[in-house]
Amino acid sequence: MQDRMKGKAEEIKGKVTGDKGLQVKGKSRQKVGRVKEAAKSIAYDVEHSKKKR
């Protein structure tokens, strides 16, 4: 969640200042955040499925 929020802030700052590089960096950080969240969710599901066996 933290990476997604930082990324959104960078993207908005880039839009306001006209800095395309910062916009791209912000969008990339948001995607990294989504991947991290998905990985954590998968790890949680795997861990809990092991306990049910």
PDB file of N, CA and C in Angstrom:
ATOM      1  N   MET A   1       0.825  -1.188   0.000  1.00  0.00           N
ATOM      2  CA  MET A   1       0.000   0.000   0.000  1.00  0.00           C
ATOM      3  C   MET A   1       0.867   1.250   0.000  1.00  0.00           C
ATOM      4  N   GLN A   2       1.945   1.188   0.731  1.00  0.00           N
ATOM      5  CA  GLN A   2       2.816   2.355   0.854  1.00  0.00           C
ATOM      6  C   GLN A   2       3.446   2.718  -0.504  1.00  0.00           C
ATOM      7  N   ASP A   3       3.887   1.703  -1.260  1.00  0.00           N
ATOM      8  CA  ASP A   3       4.476   1.971  -2.573  1.00  0.00           C
ATOM      9  C   ASP A   3       3.439   2.576  -3.517  1.00  0.00           C
ATOM     10  N   ARG A   4       2.210   2.083  -3.435  1.00  0.00           N
ATOM     11  CA  ARG A   4       1.167   2.616  -4.306  1.00  0.00           C
ATOM     12  C   ARG A   4       0.874   4.075  -3.996  1.00  0.00           C
ATOM     13  N   MET A   5       0.842   4.421  -2.710  1.00  0.00           N
ATOM     14  CA  MET A   5       0.566   5.813  -2.333  1.00  0.00           C
ATOM     15  C   MET A   5       1.711   6.733  -2.742  1.00  0.00           C
ATOM     16  N   LYS A   6       2.934   6.290  -2.508  1.00  0.00           N
ATOM     17  CA  LYS A   6       4.095   7.096  -2.910  1.00  0.00           C
ATOM     18  C   LYS A   6       4.111   7.274  -4.426  1.00  0.00           C
ATOM     19  N   GLY A   7       3.799   6.196  -5.126  1.00  0.00           N
ATOM     20  CA  GLY A   7       3.772   6.255  -6.581  1.00  0.00           C
ATOM     21  C   GLY A   7       2.728   7.221  -7.105  1.00  0.00           C
ATOM     22  N   LYS A   8       1.553   7.192  -6.500  1.00  0.00           N
ATOM     23  CA  LYS A   8       0.486   8.104  -6.923  1.00  0.00           C
ATOM     24  C   LYS A   8       0.897   9.546  -6.671  1.00  0.00           C
ATOM     25  N   ALA A   9       1.544   9.789  -5.532  1.00  0.00           N
ATOM     26  CA  ALA A   9       2.011  11.137  -5.219  1.00  0.00           C
ATOM     27  C   ALA A   9       3.045  11.599  -6.247  1.00  0.00           C
ATOM     28  N   GLU A  10       3.967  10.708  -6.610  1.00  0.00           N
ATOM     29  CA  GLU A  10       4.978  11.058  -7.621  1.00  0.00           C
ATOM     30  C   GLU A  10       4.323  11.331  -8.970  1.00  0.00           C
ATOM     31  N   GLU A  11       3.343  10.495  -9.330  1.00  0.00           N
ATOM     32  CA  GLU A  11       2.657  10.687 -10.604  1.00  0.00           C
ATOM     33  C   GLU A  11       1.959  12.042 -10.654  1.00  0.00           C
ATOM     34  N   ILE A  12       1.253  12.388  -9.581  1.00  0.00           N
ATOM     35  CA  ILE A  12       0.545  13.674  -9.528  1.00  0.00           C
ATOM     36  C   ILE A  12       1.543  14.833  -9.572  1.00  0.00           C
ATOM     37  N   LYS A  13       2.630  14.707  -8.813  1.00  0.00           N
ATOM     38  CA  LYS A  13       3.651  15.756  -8.814  1.00  0.00           C
ATOM     39  C   LYS A  13       4.214  15.934 -10.224  1.00  0.00           C
ATOM     40  N   GLY A  14       4.423  14.824 -10.913  1.00  0.00           N
ATOM     41  CA  GLY A  14       4.918  14.883 -12.286  1.00  0.00           C
ATOM     42  C   GLY A  14       3.935  15.576 -13.219  1.00  0.00           C
ATOM     43  N   LYS A  15       2.641  15.294 -13.034  1.00  0.00           N
ATOM     44  CA  LYS A  15       1.616  15.939 -13.867  1.00  0.00           C
ATOM     45  C   LYS A  15       1.589  17.442 -13.621  1.00  0.00           C
ATOM     46  N   VAL A  16       1.653  17.816 -12.353  1.00  0.00           N
ATOM     47  CA  VAL A  16       1.577  19.231 -11.986  1.00  0.00           C
ATOM     48  C   VAL A  16       2.791  20.000 -12.510  1.00  0.00           C
ATOM     49  N   THR A  17       3.972  19.391 -12.384  1.00  0.00           N
ATOM     50  CA  THR A  17       5.199  20.069 -12.799  1.00  0.00           C
ATOM     51  C   THR A  17       5.540  19.854 -14.264  1.00  0.00           C
ATOM     52  N   GLY A  18       4.817  18.933 -14.926  1.00  0.00           N
ATOM     53  CA  GLY A  18       5.100  18.649 -16.327  1.00  0.00           C
ATOM     54  C   GLY A  18       6.300  17.733 -16.515  1.00  0.00           C
ATOM     55  N   ASP A  19       6.691  17.048 -15.470  1.00  0.00           N
ATOM     56  CA  ASP A  19       7.853  16.146 -15.506  1.00  0.00           C
ATOM     57  C   ASP A  19       7.387  14.735 -15.876  1.00  0.00           C
ATOM     58  N   LYS A  20       7.541  14.381 -17.159  1.00  0.00           N
ATOM     59  CA  LYS A  20       7.095  13.068 -17.644  1.00  0.00           C
ATOM     60  C   LYS A  20       7.857  11.935 -16.968  1.00  0.00           C
ATOM     61  N   GLY A  21       9.130  12.142 -16.685  1.00  0.00           N
ATOM     62  CA  GLY A  21       9.937  11.122 -16.026  1.00  0.00           C
ATOM     63  C   GLY A  21       9.398  10.781 -14.650  1.00  0.00           C
ATOM     64  N   LEU A  22       8.996  11.788 -13.921  1.00  0.00           N
ATOM     65  CA  LEU A  22       8.441  11.582 -12.588  1.00  0.00           C
ATOM     66  C   LEU A  22       7.088  10.876 -12.667  1.00  0.00           C
ATOM     67  N   GLN A  23       6.308  11.206 -13.686  1.00  0.00           N
ATOM     68  CA  GLN A  23       5.030  10.531 -13.890  1.00  0.00           C
ATOM     69  C   GLN A  23       5.250   9.037 -14.119  1.00  0.00           C
ATOM     70  N   VAL A  24       6.190   8.715 -14.984  1.00  0.00           N
ATOM     71  CA  VAL A  24       6.488   7.317 -15.300  1.00  0.00           C
ATOM     72  C   VAL A  24       7.017   6.595 -14.058  1.00  0.00           C
ATOM     73  N   LYS A  25       7.893   7.256 -13.324  1.00  0.00           N
ATOM     74  CA  LYS A  25       8.435   6.670 -12.094  1.00  0.00           C
ATOM     75  C   LYS A  25       7.304   6.387 -11.106  1.00  0.00           C
ATOM     76  N   GLY A  26       6.374   7.307 -10.996  1.00  0.00           N
ATOM     77  CA  GLY A  26       5.238   7.119 -10.096  1.00  0.00           C
ATOM     78  C   GLY A  26       4.360   5.958 -10.512  1.00  0.00           C
ATOM     79  N   LYS A  27       4.087   5.848 -11.798  1.00  0.00           N
ATOM     80  CA  LYS A  27       3.270   4.738 -12.286  1.00  0.00           C
ATOM     81  C   LYS A  27       3.991   3.412 -12.064  1.00  0.00           C
ATOM     82  N   SER A  28       5.292   3.405 -12.263  1.00  0.00           N
ATOM     83  CA  SER A  28       6.075   2.185 -12.042  1.00  0.00           C
ATOM     84  C   SER A  28       6.034   1.774 -10.574  1.00  0.00           C
ATOM     85  N   ARG A  29       6.175   2.745  -9.690  1.00  0.00           N
ATOM     86  CA  ARG A  29       6.145   2.449  -8.251  1.00  0.00           C
ATOM     87  C   ARG A  29       4.785   1.893  -7.851  1.00  0.00           C
ATOM     88  N   GLN A  30       3.720   2.410  -8.455  1.00  0.00           N
ATOM     89  CA  GLN A  30       2.389   1.894  -8.160  1.00  0.00           C
ATOM     90  C   GLN A  30       2.268   0.429  -8.575  1.00  0.00           C
ATOM     91  N   LYS A  31       2.821   0.098  -9.730  1.00  0.00           N
ATOM     92  CA  LYS A  31       2.776  -1.291 -10.204  1.00  0.00           C
ATOM     93  C   LYS A  31       3.591  -2.200  -9.298  1.00  0.00           C
ATOM     94  N   VAL A  32       4.733  -1.723  -8.836  1.00  0.00           N
ATOM     95  CA  VAL A  32       5.549  -2.493  -7.896  1.00  0.00           C
ATOM     96  C   VAL A  32       4.747  -2.748  -6.619  1.00  0.00           C
ATOM     97  N   GLY A  33       4.052  -1.754  -6.164  1.00  0.00           N
ATOM     98  CA  GLY A  33       3.225  -1.897  -4.976  1.00  0.00           C
ATOM     99  C   GLY A  33       2.139  -2.937  -5.152  1.00  0.00           C
ATOM    100  N   ARG A  34       1.508  -2.943  -6.329  1.00  0.00           N
ATOM    101  CA  ARG A  34       0.461  -3.936  -6.592  1.00  0.00           C
ATOM    102  C   ARG A  34       1.037  -5.348  -6.611  1.00  0.00           C
ATOM    103  N   VAL A  35       2.216  -5.497  -7.203  1.00  0.00           N
ATOM    104  CA  VAL A  35       2.871  -6.810  -7.255  1.00  0.00           C
ATOM    105  C   VAL A  35       3.222  -7.282  -5.843  1.00  0.00           C
ATOM    106  N   LYS A  36       3.757  -6.381  -5.037  1.00  0.00           N
ATOM    107  CA  LYS A  36       4.100  -6.743  -3.655  1.00  0.00           C
ATOM    108  C   LYS A  36       2.856  -7.174  -2.875  1.00  0.00           C
ATOM    109  N   GLU A  37       1.761  -6.442  -3.053  1.00  0.00           N
ATOM    110  CA  GLU A  37       0.531  -6.786  -2.360  1.00  0.00           C
ATOM    111  C   GLU A  37       0.016  -8.149  -2.814  1.00  0.00           C
ATOM    112  N   ALA A  38       0.092  -8.419  -4.110  1.00  0.00           N
ATOM    113  CA  ALA A  38      -0.351  -9.711  -4.626  1.00  0.00           C
ATOM    114  C   ALA A  38       0.517 -10.838  -4.081  1.00  0.00           C
ATOM    115  N   ALA A  39       1.821 -10.619  -4.020  1.00  0.00           N
ATOM    116  CA  ALA A  39       2.730 -11.634  -3.493  1.00  0.00           C
ATOM    117  C   ALA A  39       2.438 -11.919  -2.021  1.00  0.00           C
ATOM    118  N   LYS A  40       2.173 -10.881  -1.261  1.00  0.00           N
ATOM    119  CA  LYS A  40       1.843 -11.071   0.154  1.00  0.00           C
ATOM    120  C   LYS A  40       0.535 -11.841   0.304  1.00  0.00           C
ATOM    121  N   SER A  41      -0.418 -11.528  -0.533  1.00  0.00           N
ATOM    122  CA  SER A  41      -1.705 -12.210  -0.485  1.00  0.00           C
ATOM    123  C   SER A  41      -1.543 -13.692  -0.818  1.00  0.00           C
ATOM    124  N   ILE A  42      -0.750 -13.983  -1.831  1.00  0.00           N
ATOM    125  CA  ILE A  42      -0.505 -15.369  -2.220  1.00  0.00           C
ATOM    126  C   ILE A  42       0.224 -16.106  -1.108  1.00  0.00           C
ATOM    127  N   ALA A  43       1.225 -15.488  -0.524  1.00  0.00           N
ATOM    128  CA  ALA A  43       1.966 -16.110   0.576  1.00  0.00           C
ATOM    129  C   ALA A  43       1.035 -16.394   1.753  1.00  0.00           C
ATOM    130  N   TYR A  44       0.153 -15.477   2.046  1.00  0.00           N
ATOM    131  CA  TYR A  44      -0.811 -15.658   3.130  1.00  0.00           C
ATOM    132  C   TYR A  44      -1.722 -16.850   2.826  1.00  0.00           C
ATOM    133  N   ASP A  45      -2.234 -16.897   1.594  1.00  0.00           N
ATOM    134  CA  ASP A  45      -3.129 -17.991   1.201  1.00  0.00           C
ATOM    135  C   ASP A  45      -2.414 -19.338   1.268  1.00  0.00           C
ATOM    136  N   VAL A  46      -1.177 -19.390   0.824  1.00  0.00           N
ATOM    137  CA  VAL A  46      -0.406 -20.633   0.856  1.00  0.00           C
ATOM    138  C   VAL A  46      -0.182 -21.068   2.302  1.00  0.00           C
ATOM    139  N   GLU A  47       0.191 -20.148   3.131  1.00  0.00           N
ATOM    140  CA  GLU A  47       0.443 -20.464   4.535  1.00  0.00           C
ATOM    141  C   GLU A  47      -0.808 -21.001   5.222  1.00  0.00           C
ATOM    142  N   HIS A  48      -1.928 -20.369   4.936  1.00  0.00           N
ATOM    143  CA  HIS A  48      -3.175 -20.798   5.582  1.00  0.00           C
ATOM    144  C   HIS A  48      -3.714 -22.104   4.993  1.00  0.00           C
ATOM    145  N   SER A  49      -3.426 -22.365   3.740  1.00  0.00           N
ATOM    146  CA  SER A  49      -3.868 -23.631   3.155  1.00  0.00           C
ATOM    147  C   SER A  49      -3.051 -24.788   3.726  1.00  0.00           C
ATOM    148  N   LYS A  50      -1.786 -24.544   4.101  1.00  0.00           N
ATOM    149  CA  LYS A  50      -0.959 -25.577   4.731  1.00  0.00           C
ATOM    150  C   LYS A  50      -1.508 -25.942   6.105  1.00  0.00           C
ATOM    151  N   LYS A  51      -2.004 -24.945   6.822  1.00  0.00           N
ATOM    152  CA  LYS A  51      -2.524 -25.180   8.162  1.00  0.00           C
ATOM    153  C   LYS A  51      -3.813 -25.991   8.149  1.00  0.00           C
ATOM    154  N   LYS A  52      -4.580 -25.898   7.063  1.00  0.00           N
ATOM    155  CA  LYS A  52      -5.844 -26.611   6.964  1.00  0.00           C
ATOM    156  C   LYS A  52      -5.649 -28.098   6.685  1.00  0.00           C
ATOM    157  N   ARG A  53      -4.499 -28.480   6.212  1.00  0.00           N
ATOM    158  CA  ARG A  53      -4.254 -29.892   5.874  1.00  0.00           C
ATOM    159  C   ARG A  53      -4.047 -30.718   7.067  1.00  0.00           C
TER     160      ARG A  53
END
